[in-house]
């Protein structure tokens, strides 16, 4: 049922139906107007004929009746009038004398009062066209002639003419519709084939080829359509081949990118492990050696005191150099792996880093704000956040020329969010600073399943936001400056 309804709806919307319906509608309107006009003409013709006939007959009857009445020959007048009554449309005939008394009455004349006279058959309402005429003899009135003409024959003739006109019009409409349908089907058949072929091409079937039956406009359109389909098919095939190559290249690039990211993450992990190992080695080995050197120098100074000033001076110099070496080694260990990060946690390590950075950059005010539970984030997250803040501060000191830097670290709604914002001159996001740069920071964050965002504009500073998904959120806010 639905399929039949859909097909019916499609047919009514088709060019074929609209063309046929338009032509048939125009024919119906034109023939209807023609029939209506013909009926009006027929009606006017019949009424005018009856009027002319009636007035001619009453004039002639009045003249002849006057002659007979002057000769007082009423028998002949009766015979004459009976012959006049033989006219098939005449309903009655009455001869009145000077006093309007009926002298002769023939047909179905009114019995009580004489009807009002009519001016035209078209204005008659009682079905009889009533007229009267004066009977004059030597210009002297002798009486009147009253005649009534029945309209039934005229109306029957008009009805037959109307039926005949409508029948002819209906026949013409039917024949026109048949001819229009046949012509329309012939004209629109190839257009329908072109429409169906276009729909198939729209669905991706490029193997369609239209037959070229004639070399008229439709034939030339079909030829152009075939060329277009062939060209589209060729270009589509080339495009599909290019897309296949592009997908293959994209797959290979994604694989290489994944491998490169894995390599970068592995390298960063190895780098942190190596830094941790070096820091431990410096602390364990070199730190012990420096401690031993300082102890020996103090012992030498104590033994040589008051004996040899040069030995005492050399021992003091050894102590000074040992202290300087210890400071350098301690600074190197802090840069490689801050011990406070392992001992006291991320927040204290960041506070110490910002405090040391503030001493080196006194003209830039730095503030850190922390909130939430940051004590049990894990070593990977701690070192990642620490390195990103360290890299951001290094970039600010080298490139930003900022007056203010804010570091905001929060643990809310299961997410660890880090924001580092400065009001400097802005940097190029592609710059790699301190061997890490934006790429290194992004890789560190993505290795934790997080998201890295950088916003910067010339003269409007830099804003870096890091989001890492977490669990077990707690509230609590502390601010340090």
Protein backbone atom coordinates (compact mmCIF):
# COMPACT_ATOMS: atom_id res chain seq x y z
CA UNK A 1 0.00 0.00 0.00
CA UNK A 2 2.78 2.42 0.91
CA UNK A 3 4.74 1.55 -2.26
CA UNK A 4 1.65 2.16 -4.42
CA UNK A 5 1.00 5.46 -2.66
CA UNK A 6 4.63 6.50 -3.12
CA UNK A 7 4.55 5.65 -6.83
CA UNK A 8 1.28 7.55 -7.22
CA UNK A 9 2.73 10.60 -5.47
CA UNK A 10 5.85 10.43 -7.66
CA UNK A 11 3.71 10.28 -10.82
CA UNK A 12 1.65 13.30 -9.82
CA UNK A 13 4.86 15.28 -9.24
CA UNK A 14 6.43 14.23 -12.53
CA UNK A 15 6.96 16.49 -15.53
CA UNK A 16 4.89 14.11 -17.62
CA UNK A 17 1.81 14.53 -15.44
CA UNK A 18 2.22 18.29 -15.18
CA UNK A 19 2.59 18.67 -18.93
CA UNK A 20 -0.47 16.53 -19.71
CA UNK A 21 -2.55 18.07 -16.92
CA UNK A 22 -1.64 21.60 -18.05
CA UNK A 23 -2.61 20.97 -21.66
CA UNK A 24 -5.85 19.17 -20.74
CA UNK A 25 -6.78 21.91 -18.27
CA UNK A 26 -6.21 24.60 -20.89
CA UNK A 27 -8.32 22.65 -23.40
CA UNK A 28 -11.13 22.19 -20.87
CA UNK A 29 -11.16 25.89 -20.00
CA UNK A 30 -11.06 26.99 -23.64
CA UNK A 31 -13.78 24.56 -24.76
CA UNK A 32 -15.91 25.43 -21.73
CA UNK A 33 -15.67 29.11 -22.60
CA UNK A 34 -16.51 28.30 -26.21
CA UNK A 35 -19.56 26.21 -25.22
CA UNK A 36 -20.74 28.88 -22.82
CA UNK A 37 -20.38 31.54 -25.49
CA UNK A 38 -22.17 29.38 -28.09
CA UNK A 39 -25.06 28.70 -25.70
CA UNK A 40 -25.41 32.43 -25.10
CA UNK A 41 -25.38 33.06 -28.86
CA UNK A 42 -27.95 30.31 -29.50
CA UNK A 43 -30.23 31.70 -26.79
CA UNK A 44 -29.98 35.20 -28.19
CA UNK A 45 -30.55 33.97 -31.74
CA UNK A 46 -33.70 32.04 -30.83
CA UNK A 47 -35.21 34.82 -28.75
CA UNK A 48 -34.48 37.41 -31.41
CA UNK A 49 -36.03 35.16 -34.06
CA UNK A 50 -39.19 34.66 -31.99
CA UNK A 51 -39.46 38.38 -31.33
CA UNK A 52 -39.08 39.29 -35.00
CA UNK A 53 -41.51 36.58 -36.08
CA UNK A 54 -44.06 37.62 -33.45
CA UNK A 55 -43.98 41.31 -34.35
CA UNK A 56 -44.15 40.51 -38.07
CA UNK A 57 -47.14 38.21 -37.59
CA UNK A 58 -49.06 40.61 -35.36
CA UNK A 59 -48.50 43.47 -37.79
CA UNK A 60 -49.74 41.42 -40.72
CA UNK A 61 -52.68 40.03 -38.70
CA UNK A 62 -53.70 43.51 -37.57
CA UNK A 63 -53.70 44.82 -41.13
CA UNK A 64 -55.74 41.93 -42.50
CA UNK A 65 -58.11 41.92 -39.56
CA UNK A 66 -58.82 45.63 -40.11
CA UNK A 67 -59.84 44.96 -43.68
CA UNK A 68 -62.25 42.19 -42.69
CA UNK A 69 -63.67 44.19 -39.77
CA UNK A 70 -64.30 47.20 -42.00
CA UNK A 71 -66.27 44.94 -44.36
CA UNK A 72 -68.00 43.37 -41.37
CA UNK A 73 -66.94 39.99 -42.75
CA UNK A 74 -66.34 38.16 -39.52
CA UNK A 75 -66.74 34.70 -41.01
CA UNK A 76 -63.80 35.29 -43.33
CA UNK A 77 -61.92 36.88 -40.45
CA UNK A 78 -62.58 33.77 -38.38
CA UNK A 79 -61.33 31.54 -41.17
CA UNK A 80 -58.22 33.71 -41.67
CA UNK A 81 -57.39 33.74 -37.98
CA UNK A 82 -57.78 29.95 -37.74
CA UNK A 83 -55.17 29.62 -40.48
CA UNK A 84 -52.87 31.97 -38.53
CA UNK A 85 -53.32 29.78 -35.43
CA UNK A 86 -51.73 26.98 -37.40
CA UNK A 87 -48.34 28.45 -36.50
CA UNK A 88 -46.91 25.97 -34.01
CA UNK A 89 -45.47 28.50 -31.52
CA UNK A 90 -48.67 30.58 -31.31
CA UNK A 91 -50.52 29.82 -28.04
CA UNK A 92 -53.54 32.12 -28.44
CA UNK A 93 -54.98 34.88 -30.67
CA UNK A 94 -57.64 37.38 -29.62
CA UNK A 95 -59.41 40.16 -31.60
CA UNK A 96 -60.75 43.00 -29.46
CA UNK A 97 -63.18 45.70 -30.56
CA UNK A 98 -62.91 49.36 -29.74
CA UNK A 99 -64.27 48.73 -26.25
CA UNK A 100 -61.70 45.96 -25.58
CA UNK A 101 -64.38 43.35 -25.89
CA UNK A 102 -63.36 40.00 -27.31
CA UNK A 103 -64.67 39.51 -30.83
CA UNK A 104 -62.79 36.35 -31.72
CA UNK A 105 -60.78 34.18 -29.32
CA UNK A 106 -58.64 31.30 -30.48
CA UNK A 107 -56.26 29.05 -28.49
CA UNK A 108 -55.65 29.06 -24.76
CA UNK A 109 -56.25 32.74 -24.13
CA UNK A 110 -56.55 34.10 -20.59
CA UNK A 111 -60.18 34.06 -19.32
CA UNK A 112 -60.26 36.79 -16.69
CA UNK A 113 -57.86 39.62 -17.55
CA UNK A 114 -55.62 40.21 -20.45
CA UNK A 115 -51.92 39.75 -19.56
CA UNK A 116 -49.41 42.53 -19.61
CA UNK A 117 -47.58 42.84 -22.87
CA UNK A 118 -43.88 41.70 -23.05
CA UNK A 119 -41.11 43.58 -24.79
CA UNK A 120 -38.76 40.66 -25.48
CA UNK A 121 -38.89 36.85 -25.14
CA UNK A 122 -35.76 36.89 -23.00
CA UNK A 123 -37.63 38.82 -20.27
CA UNK A 124 -40.67 36.50 -20.15
CA UNK A 125 -41.33 34.80 -16.80
CA UNK A 126 -44.61 32.93 -17.40
CA UNK A 127 -43.55 30.91 -20.47
CA UNK A 128 -45.69 32.92 -22.97
CA UNK A 129 -44.53 35.91 -24.99
CA UNK A 130 -47.55 38.27 -24.93
CA UNK A 131 -47.78 41.08 -27.51
CA UNK A 132 -50.51 43.35 -28.87
CA UNK A 133 -51.10 45.43 -31.99
CA UNK A 134 -53.57 48.17 -32.99
CA UNK A 135 -56.11 47.49 -35.77
CA UNK A 136 -56.31 50.65 -37.84
CA UNK A 137 -58.52 51.42 -40.81
CA UNK A 138 -57.86 54.73 -42.50
CA UNK A 139 -55.86 55.60 -39.42
CA UNK A 140 -58.95 55.02 -37.31
CA UNK A 141 -58.71 52.47 -34.47
CA UNK A 142 -60.95 49.48 -34.96
CA UNK A 143 -59.65 47.34 -32.08
CA UNK A 144 -56.64 45.30 -31.03
CA UNK A 145 -54.93 42.03 -31.80
CA UNK A 146 -53.57 40.05 -28.86
CA UNK A 147 -51.14 37.21 -29.49
CA UNK A 148 -49.31 34.85 -27.11
CA UNK A 149 -46.33 32.81 -28.28
CA UNK A 150 -45.32 29.75 -26.25
CA UNK A 151 -41.62 29.56 -25.36
CA UNK A 152 -41.55 25.79 -24.87
CA UNK A 153 -40.50 25.00 -28.43
CA UNK A 154 -37.81 27.65 -28.32
CA UNK A 155 -36.54 26.45 -24.94
CA UNK A 156 -36.51 22.87 -26.18
CA UNK A 157 -34.47 23.91 -29.19
CA UNK A 158 -32.08 25.81 -26.93
CA UNK A 159 -31.80 22.78 -24.61
CA UNK A 160 -30.99 20.49 -27.52
CA UNK A 161 -28.42 22.94 -28.82
CA UNK A 162 -26.86 23.15 -25.34
CA UNK A 163 -26.70 19.36 -25.02
CA UNK A 164 -25.24 19.07 -28.50
CA UNK A 165 -22.62 21.74 -27.72
CA UNK A 166 -21.67 20.14 -24.41
CA UNK A 167 -21.45 16.71 -26.07
CA UNK A 168 -19.20 18.06 -28.78
CA UNK A 169 -17.05 19.84 -26.16
CA UNK A 170 -16.83 16.70 -24.00
CA UNK A 171 -15.87 14.62 -27.03
CA UNK A 172 -13.26 17.20 -27.98
CA UNK A 173 -11.90 17.22 -24.42
CA UNK A 174 -11.66 13.43 -24.33
CA UNK A 175 -9.98 13.29 -27.73
CA UNK A 176 -7.65 16.14 -26.74
CA UNK A 177 -6.76 14.36 -23.51
CA UNK A 178 -6.04 11.11 -25.37
CA UNK A 179 -3.93 12.86 -27.99
CA UNK A 180 -2.15 14.91 -25.33
CA UNK A 181 -1.40 11.80 -23.28
CA UNK A 182 -0.02 9.99 -26.32
CA UNK A 183 2.07 12.97 -27.40
CA UNK A 184 3.14 13.67 -23.81
CA UNK A 185 4.22 10.08 -23.26
CA UNK A 186 6.21 10.20 -26.47
CA UNK A 187 7.86 13.49 -25.59
CA UNK A 188 8.54 12.73 -21.95
CA UNK A 189 9.57 9.08 -22.25
CA UNK A 190 13.19 9.92 -23.05
CA UNK A 191 13.17 12.69 -20.45
CA UNK A 192 12.00 10.10 -17.94
CA UNK A 193 14.86 7.83 -18.98
CA UNK A 194 17.25 10.76 -18.49
CA UNK A 195 15.78 11.44 -15.03
CA UNK A 196 16.10 7.79 -13.96
CA UNK A 197 19.67 7.67 -15.24
CA UNK A 198 20.53 10.84 -13.31
CA UNK A 199 19.11 9.31 -10.12
CA UNK A 200 21.22 6.15 -10.66
CA UNK A 201 24.32 8.29 -11.16
CA UNK A 202 23.45 10.17 -7.97
CA UNK A 203 23.45 6.82 -6.17
CA UNK A 204 26.95 6.05 -7.45
CA UNK A 205 26.15 3.90 -10.51
CA UNK A 206 28.43 5.25 -13.24
CA UNK A 207 27.85 2.40 -15.69
CA UNK A 208 24.68 4.04 -17.05
CA UNK A 209 24.59 4.82 -20.78
CA UNK A 210 21.57 6.44 -22.41
CA UNK A 211 20.52 5.33 -25.93
CA UNK A 212 20.73 8.06 -28.58
CA UNK A 213 17.50 7.61 -30.56
CA UNK A 214 17.37 10.93 -32.41
CA UNK A 215 19.55 13.98 -32.84
CA UNK A 216 17.07 16.46 -31.44
CA UNK A 217 17.45 18.46 -28.22
CA UNK A 218 16.81 15.40 -26.02
CA UNK A 219 19.27 13.34 -28.06
CA UNK A 220 21.97 15.98 -27.71
CA UNK A 221 21.24 16.17 -23.98
CA UNK A 222 21.61 12.40 -23.70
CA UNK A 223 24.95 12.55 -25.57
CA UNK A 224 26.23 15.26 -23.23
CA UNK A 225 24.94 13.26 -20.24
CA UNK A 226 26.86 10.16 -21.35
CA UNK A 227 30.06 12.19 -21.73
CA UNK A 228 29.52 13.76 -18.32
CA UNK A 229 28.94 10.38 -16.66
CA UNK A 230 32.07 8.97 -18.30
CA UNK A 231 34.12 11.94 -17.09
CA UNK A 232 32.66 11.75 -13.58
CA UNK A 233 33.34 8.01 -13.50
CA UNK A 234 36.95 8.56 -14.55
CA UNK A 235 37.51 11.33 -12.01
CA UNK A 236 35.78 9.36 -9.27
CA UNK A 237 38.02 6.37 -9.93
CA UNK A 238 41.12 8.57 -9.77
CA UNK A 239 39.83 10.22 -6.59
CA UNK A 240 39.17 6.84 -4.96
CA UNK A 241 42.67 5.71 -5.89
CA UNK A 242 44.11 8.93 -4.46
CA UNK A 243 42.03 8.53 -1.30
CA UNK A 244 43.20 4.94 -0.92
CA UNK A 245 46.81 6.07 -1.20
CA UNK A 246 46.14 8.91 1.23
CA UNK A 247 44.53 6.53 3.74
CA UNK A 248 47.46 4.19 3.41
CA UNK A 249 49.90 7.05 3.90
CA UNK A 250 47.85 8.36 6.82
CA UNK A 251 47.84 4.93 8.44
CA UNK A 252 51.60 4.69 8.00
CA UNK A 253 52.05 8.24 9.35
CA UNK A 254 49.88 7.47 12.37
CA UNK A 255 51.88 4.34 13.04
CA UNK A 256 55.13 6.31 12.76
CA UNK A 257 53.69 9.05 14.96
CA UNK A 258 52.63 6.51 17.58
CA UNK A 259 56.08 4.93 17.43
CA UNK A 260 57.75 8.34 17.69
CA UNK A 261 55.57 9.26 20.65
CA UNK A 262 56.33 5.98 22.33
CA UNK A 263 60.02 6.54 21.65
CA UNK A 264 59.75 10.07 23.07
CA UNK A 265 57.98 8.82 26.18
CA UNK A 266 60.51 6.08 26.61
CA UNK A 267 63.32 8.60 26.14
CA UNK A 268 61.77 10.96 28.68
CA UNK A 269 61.37 8.10 31.16
CA UNK A 270 64.94 6.99 30.55
CA UNK A 271 66.12 10.60 30.88
CA UNK A 272 64.39 10.99 34.23
CA UNK A 273 65.75 7.66 35.42
CA UNK A 274 69.26 8.67 34.32
CA UNK A 275 68.92 12.05 36.02
CA UNK A 276 67.76 10.34 39.18
CA UNK A 277 70.67 7.90 38.96
CA UNK A 278 73.19 10.69 38.34
CA UNK A 279 71.83 12.73 41.20
CA UNK A 280 72.10 9.72 43.50
CA UNK A 281 75.65 9.00 42.28
CA UNK A 282 76.68 12.61 42.80
CA UNK A 283 75.19 12.55 46.27
CA UNK A 284 76.63 9.19 47.27
CA UNK A 285 80.03 9.23 45.61
CA UNK A 286 81.08 12.81 45.04
CA UNK A 287 79.34 14.01 48.18
CA UNK A 288 81.27 11.53 50.32
CA UNK A 289 84.53 12.47 48.61
CA UNK A 290 83.93 16.17 49.24
CA UNK A 291 83.07 15.44 52.85
CA UNK A 292 86.30 13.45 53.22
CA UNK A 293 88.31 16.24 51.56
CA UNK A 294 86.84 18.80 53.91
CA UNK A 295 87.55 16.58 56.93
CA UNK A 296 91.16 16.05 55.83
CA UNK A 297 91.59 19.77 55.18
CA UNK A 298 90.33 20.59 58.66
CA UNK A 299 92.68 17.96 60.13
CA UNK A 300 95.64 19.39 58.21
CA UNK A 301 94.75 22.89 59.34
CA UNK A 302 94.56 21.70 62.93
CA UNK A 303 97.88 19.87 62.80
CA UNK A 304 99.73 22.66 61.02
CA UNK A 305 98.38 25.48 63.12
CA UNK A 306 101.31 27.50 64.48
CA UNK A 307 103.84 25.39 62.59
CA UNK A 308 103.64 26.41 58.98
CA UNK A 309 101.50 29.26 57.72
CA UNK A 310 101.67 28.04 54.13
CA UNK A 311 100.20 24.67 55.06
CA UNK A 312 97.50 26.43 57.05
CA UNK A 313 96.68 28.68 54.06
CA UNK A 314 96.63 25.72 51.68
CA UNK A 315 94.28 23.82 54.01
CA UNK A 316 91.96 26.88 54.13
CA UNK A 317 92.03 27.09 50.33
CA UNK A 318 91.16 23.37 50.10
CA UNK A 319 88.22 23.94 52.44
CA UNK A 320 86.98 26.86 50.32
CA UNK A 321 87.27 24.92 47.06
CA UNK A 322 85.59 21.88 48.65
CA UNK A 323 82.70 24.09 49.82
CA UNK A 324 82.41 25.59 46.34
CA UNK A 325 82.43 22.14 44.76
CA UNK A 326 79.74 21.02 47.22
CA UNK A 327 77.54 23.97 46.26
CA UNK A 328 78.01 23.24 42.55
CA UNK A 329 77.28 19.54 43.05
CA UNK A 330 74.25 20.36 45.18
CA UNK A 331 72.97 22.70 42.46
CA UNK A 332 73.56 20.03 39.82
CA UNK A 333 71.70 17.44 41.92
CA UNK A 334 68.78 19.85 42.30
CA UNK A 335 68.61 20.37 38.56
CA UNK A 336 68.93 16.67 37.85
CA UNK A 337 66.53 15.48 40.54
CA UNK A 338 65.35 17.74 43.37
CA UNK A 339 65.60 15.77 46.54
CA UNK A 340 62.71 17.69 48.10
CA UNK A 341 60.42 16.23 45.47
CA UNK A 342 61.06 12.72 46.78
CA UNK A 343 61.30 13.77 50.41
CA UNK A 344 58.52 16.35 50.89
CA UNK A 345 56.36 16.06 47.76
CA UNK A 346 55.34 18.12 44.75
CA UNK A 347 54.06 21.24 46.50
CA UNK A 348 57.23 21.80 48.54
CA UNK A 349 59.39 21.11 45.49
CA UNK A 350 57.45 23.71 43.48
CA UNK A 351 57.71 26.22 46.33
CA UNK A 352 61.45 25.72 46.51
CA UNK A 353 61.81 25.98 42.73
CA UNK A 354 59.75 29.19 42.58
CA UNK A 355 61.67 30.65 45.54
CA UNK A 356 65.00 29.95 43.86
CA UNK A 357 63.66 31.32 40.52
CA UNK A 358 62.39 34.46 42.28
CA UNK A 359 65.87 35.11 43.69
CA UNK A 360 67.36 34.85 40.20
CA UNK A 361 64.59 37.04 38.69
CA UNK A 362 63.81 39.73 41.28
CA UNK A 363 61.97 42.00 38.80
CA UNK A 364 59.27 39.42 38.06
CA UNK A 365 56.72 38.71 40.75
CA UNK A 366 55.83 35.02 41.00
CA UNK A 367 52.89 33.52 42.87
CA UNK A 368 51.73 29.91 43.30
CA UNK A 369 48.28 28.71 44.38
CA UNK A 370 47.49 25.09 45.17
CA UNK A 371 44.20 23.41 46.09
CA UNK A 372 42.97 19.89 46.68
CA UNK A 373 44.81 16.73 47.65
CA UNK A 374 48.26 16.84 46.01
CA UNK A 375 50.13 14.55 48.40
CA UNK A 376 49.50 11.19 46.69
CA UNK A 377 49.70 11.89 42.97
CA UNK A 378 52.46 9.41 42.19
CA UNK A 379 56.04 9.82 41.01
CA UNK A 380 55.22 10.09 37.28
CA UNK A 381 52.70 12.89 37.76
CA UNK A 382 54.93 14.69 40.30
CA UNK A 383 57.98 14.76 38.05
CA UNK A 384 55.86 15.70 35.00
CA UNK A 385 54.23 18.68 36.71
CA UNK A 386 57.56 19.73 38.22
CA UNK A 387 59.37 19.61 34.85
CA UNK A 388 56.57 21.56 33.11
CA UNK A 389 56.63 24.30 35.73
CA UNK A 390 60.43 24.33 35.57
CA UNK A 391 60.34 24.63 31.76
CA UNK A 392 57.70 27.38 31.89
CA UNK A 393 59.75 29.43 34.37
CA UNK A 394 62.86 28.96 32.23
CA UNK A 395 60.97 30.23 29.16
CA UNK A 396 59.63 33.23 31.10
CA UNK A 397 63.11 34.22 32.27
CA UNK A 398 64.60 33.81 28.78
CA UNK A 399 61.92 35.19 26.46
CA UNK A 400 58.87 36.67 28.17
CA UNK A 401 60.12 39.86 29.87
CA UNK A 402 57.12 39.47 32.14
CA UNK A 403 56.30 41.37 35.29
CA UNK A 404 54.00 38.74 36.79
CA UNK A 405 53.85 34.94 36.69
CA UNK A 406 51.11 32.87 38.32
CA UNK A 407 51.17 29.11 38.86
CA UNK A 408 47.87 27.51 39.82
CA UNK A 409 47.71 23.77 40.65
CA UNK A 410 44.44 22.18 41.70
CA UNK A 411 42.95 18.73 42.20
CA UNK A 412 39.20 19.06 41.67
CA UNK A 413 36.48 16.85 40.20
CA UNK A 414 38.86 14.00 39.53
CA UNK A 415 41.25 16.17 37.48
CA UNK A 416 44.65 17.66 38.16
CA UNK A 417 44.75 21.09 36.52
CA UNK A 418 47.90 23.20 36.13
CA UNK A 419 47.78 26.78 34.83
CA UNK A 420 50.94 28.81 34.25
CA UNK A 421 50.25 32.37 33.05
CA UNK A 422 52.60 35.29 32.43
CA UNK A 423 51.99 38.85 31.16
CA UNK A 424 55.08 38.98 28.95
CA UNK A 425 55.48 39.68 25.26
CA UNK A 426 54.39 36.21 24.18
CA UNK A 427 56.46 33.46 22.55
CA UNK A 428 56.37 31.35 19.45
CA UNK A 429 54.70 28.05 20.42
CA UNK A 430 57.15 26.16 18.22
CA UNK A 431 60.21 27.33 20.20
CA UNK A 432 61.95 24.55 22.12
CA UNK A 433 63.51 25.98 25.27
CA UNK A 434 65.91 24.19 27.56
CA UNK A 435 65.91 21.06 25.42
CA UNK A 436 62.28 20.32 26.24
CA UNK A 437 60.02 22.99 24.76
CA UNK A 438 56.36 22.80 23.99
CA UNK A 439 56.62 19.45 22.22
CA UNK A 440 58.35 17.85 25.20
CA UNK A 441 55.76 19.24 27.60
CA UNK A 442 52.89 18.04 25.42
CA UNK A 443 54.41 14.57 25.15
CA UNK A 444 54.85 14.36 28.92
CA UNK A 445 51.19 15.30 29.47
CA UNK A 446 49.81 12.97 26.80
CA UNK A 447 51.86 10.13 28.23
CA UNK A 448 49.69 10.50 31.35
CA UNK A 449 46.47 10.54 29.28
CA UNK A 450 46.08 14.28 29.82
CA UNK A 451 45.52 17.35 27.68
CA UNK A 452 47.98 20.18 26.96
CA UNK A 453 46.84 23.64 25.80
CA UNK A 454 48.91 26.73 24.99
CA UNK A 455 47.51 30.16 24.21
CA UNK A 456 49.75 33.04 23.24
CA UNK A 457 49.56 36.30 21.32
CA UNK A 458 52.06 39.02 20.58
CA UNK A 459 52.19 41.34 23.59
CA UNK A 460 49.65 39.33 25.58
CA UNK A 461 51.84 36.78 27.32
CA UNK A 462 51.52 33.02 27.42
CA UNK A 463 48.93 30.80 29.09
CA UNK A 464 49.63 27.08 29.50
CA UNK A 465 46.99 24.74 30.88
CA UNK A 466 47.59 21.08 31.67
CA UNK A 467 44.75 18.71 32.58
CA UNK A 468 45.42 15.18 33.86
CA UNK A 469 42.58 12.84 34.94
CA UNK A 470 42.77 11.74 38.60
CA UNK A 471 40.72 9.96 41.30
CA UNK A 472 39.96 10.54 45.02
CA UNK A 473 39.43 14.32 45.03
CA UNK A 474 39.62 16.34 48.24
CA UNK A 475 39.24 20.07 48.80
CA UNK A 476 41.47 22.60 50.56
CA UNK A 477 43.30 25.68 49.26
CA UNK A 478 46.57 27.31 50.26
CA UNK A 479 48.30 30.30 48.63
CA UNK A 480 52.03 31.15 48.71
CA UNK A 481 53.74 34.22 47.38
